[in-house]
Amino acid sequence: MTANEYLSQVYNLKRKIKYNLARLEELRELSCSISAPALDKVPSGNRCTEAPFVKALERIWEKEEEINREMDELERKQKEIQAVIERLTDVDERYVLLYRYMQGMKWEEISMELNLSEKTVRRKHFSGLRNIVVPA
């Protein structure tokens, strides 16, 4: 795994959580909808008598559990990656990587925050990636 791939894990987890939160919202909306009874079908003896929204509520609960696991993983991964970045000796490299990978800031924003040119920020980013020691 390259340093860039390693550091990008936080961004990827955040993106996955964002997607799952949107899916959870869809499930919640669906659970509130009421379906019309099927009057043209003859009831059979082995028909499920459970209300339709119960299945939707189970899917919501499962999605919430999945999101909670992902949030725990995100928190653990953020602490791990931040500790790796903090080991860098060059302060500018450290902050460029923290802002870029932990905060998701754009080059222009990092440049303004650190009062460095964008070219210098990109150079510090490149050298920071070279100096990162990715855990095995």
Protein backbone atom coordinates (compact mmCIF):
# COMPACT_ATOMS: atom_id res chain seq x y z
CA MET A 1 0.00 0.00 0.00
CA THR A 2 1.38 3.39 -0.97
CA ALA A 3 1.44 6.33 1.43
CA ASN A 4 -1.27 8.06 -0.60
CA GLU A 5 -3.52 4.99 -0.50
CA TYR A 6 -2.91 4.61 3.23
CA LEU A 7 -3.73 8.24 4.00
CA SER A 8 -6.78 8.21 1.70
CA GLN A 9 -8.50 5.59 3.86
CA VAL A 10 -10.11 8.33 5.97
CA TYR A 11 -11.59 10.02 2.90
CA ASN A 12 -12.86 6.69 1.55
CA LEU A 13 -14.51 5.79 4.87
CA LYS A 14 -16.15 9.22 5.07
CA ARG A 15 -17.49 8.78 1.53
CA LYS A 16 -18.84 5.32 2.37
CA ILE A 17 -20.55 6.63 5.52
CA LYS A 18 -22.06 9.53 3.58
CA TYR A 19 -23.48 7.09 1.03
CA ASN A 20 -24.91 4.83 3.75
CA LEU A 21 -26.48 7.80 5.55
CA ALA A 22 -28.25 8.76 2.32
CA ARG A 23 -29.41 5.15 1.91
CA LEU A 24 -30.64 5.15 5.53
CA GLU A 25 -32.68 8.27 4.84
CA GLU A 26 -34.25 6.56 1.82
CA LEU A 27 -35.14 3.55 3.96
CA ARG A 28 -36.72 5.80 6.58
CA GLU A 29 -38.81 7.51 3.92
CA LEU A 30 -39.92 4.16 2.52
CA SER A 31 -40.87 2.91 5.98
CA CYS A 32 -43.33 5.78 6.31
CA SER A 33 -45.13 5.00 3.07
CA ILE A 34 -48.30 2.94 3.23
CA SER A 35 -48.89 0.29 0.62
CA ALA A 36 -52.37 -0.46 -0.62
CA PRO A 37 -53.83 -3.88 0.12
CA ALA A 38 -53.83 -6.36 -2.75
CA LEU A 39 -57.57 -6.97 -3.08
CA ASP A 40 -57.27 -9.10 -6.20
CA LYS A 41 -55.29 -11.85 -4.46
CA VAL A 42 -56.88 -14.65 -2.50
CA PRO A 43 -55.32 -15.03 0.95
CA SER A 44 -53.55 -18.32 1.53
CA GLY A 45 -52.96 -20.16 4.77
CA ASN A 46 -49.19 -19.67 4.75
CA ARG A 47 -49.29 -15.96 4.09
CA CYS A 48 -47.06 -13.70 6.18
CA THR A 49 -49.19 -11.77 8.66
CA GLU A 50 -46.40 -9.38 9.64
CA ALA A 51 -47.00 -5.73 8.82
CA PRO A 52 -44.98 -4.58 5.76
CA PHE A 53 -43.24 -1.79 7.66
CA VAL A 54 -41.66 -4.32 10.07
CA LYS A 55 -39.30 -5.51 7.33
CA ALA A 56 -38.44 -1.89 6.53
CA LEU A 57 -37.70 -1.22 10.20
CA GLU A 58 -35.39 -4.25 10.30
CA ARG A 59 -33.50 -2.93 7.25
CA ILE A 60 -33.21 0.48 8.94
CA TRP A 61 -31.83 -1.11 12.09
CA GLU A 62 -29.30 -3.14 10.06
CA LYS A 63 -28.18 -0.02 8.16
CA GLU A 64 -27.80 1.93 11.42
CA GLU A 65 -25.66 -0.87 12.84
CA GLU A 66 -23.50 -0.86 9.70
CA ILE A 67 -23.05 2.93 9.92
CA ASN A 68 -22.12 2.68 13.61
CA ARG A 69 -19.45 0.09 12.79
CA GLU A 70 -18.11 2.30 10.02
CA MET A 71 -18.04 5.33 12.34
CA ASP A 72 -16.05 3.32 14.90
CA GLU A 73 -13.65 2.23 12.15
CA LEU A 74 -13.33 5.84 10.95
CA GLU A 75 -12.47 7.08 14.43
CA ARG A 76 -9.88 4.33 14.90
CA LYS A 77 -8.37 4.94 11.45
CA GLN A 78 -8.21 8.72 12.02
CA LYS A 79 -6.28 8.24 15.27
CA GLU A 80 -3.92 5.75 13.62
CA ILE A 81 -3.21 7.94 10.58
CA GLN A 82 -2.84 11.09 12.65
CA ALA A 83 -0.24 9.34 14.81
CA VAL A 84 1.67 8.31 11.67
CA ILE A 85 1.58 11.86 10.30
CA GLU A 86 2.64 13.33 13.65
CA ARG A 87 5.92 11.36 13.39
CA LEU A 88 7.08 13.56 10.49
CA THR A 89 9.87 15.91 11.52
CA ASP A 90 9.05 18.70 9.05
CA VAL A 91 6.19 20.75 10.51
CA ASP A 92 4.98 22.01 7.14
CA GLU A 93 4.83 18.48 5.72
CA ARG A 94 2.92 17.39 8.79
CA TYR A 95 0.29 20.15 8.49
CA VAL A 96 -0.08 19.76 4.73
CA LEU A 97 -0.83 16.06 5.18
CA LEU A 98 -3.13 16.65 8.16
CA TYR A 99 -5.12 19.32 6.33
CA ARG A 100 -5.26 17.33 3.11
CA TYR A 101 -6.10 13.87 4.44
CA MET A 102 -7.75 14.49 7.80
CA GLN A 103 -9.66 17.68 6.98
CA GLY A 104 -10.14 17.09 3.25
CA MET A 105 -8.96 20.60 2.41
CA LYS A 106 -8.13 21.65 -1.15
CA TRP A 107 -4.64 22.83 -2.16
CA GLU A 108 -5.76 26.45 -2.30
CA GLU A 109 -7.23 26.28 1.23
CA ILE A 110 -4.08 24.67 2.64
CA SER A 111 -1.99 27.32 0.92
CA MET A 112 -3.99 30.10 2.55
CA GLU A 113 -4.02 28.38 5.95
CA LEU A 114 -0.24 27.84 6.03
CA ASN A 115 0.60 31.07 4.22
CA LEU A 116 2.57 29.16 1.60
CA SER A 117 2.33 29.17 -2.19
CA GLU A 118 0.36 26.34 -3.78
CA LYS A 119 3.56 25.15 -5.42
CA THR A 120 5.25 24.92 -2.01
CA VAL A 121 2.24 23.13 -0.55
CA ARG A 122 2.35 20.54 -3.34
CA ARG A 123 6.10 20.12 -2.89
CA LYS A 124 5.63 19.64 0.88
CA HIS A 125 2.86 17.14 0.14
CA PHE A 126 5.10 15.14 -2.18
CA SER A 127 8.02 15.13 0.26
CA GLY A 128 5.65 14.29 3.14
CA LEU A 129 4.35 11.26 1.23
CA ARG A 130 7.94 10.13 0.64
CA ASN A 131 8.75 10.48 4.36
CA ILE A 132 5.63 8.73 5.71
CA VAL A 133 6.25 5.28 7.13
CA VAL A 134 3.20 3.18 6.28
CA PRO A 135 2.52 0.54 8.96
CA ALA A 136 2.70 -3.02 7.70
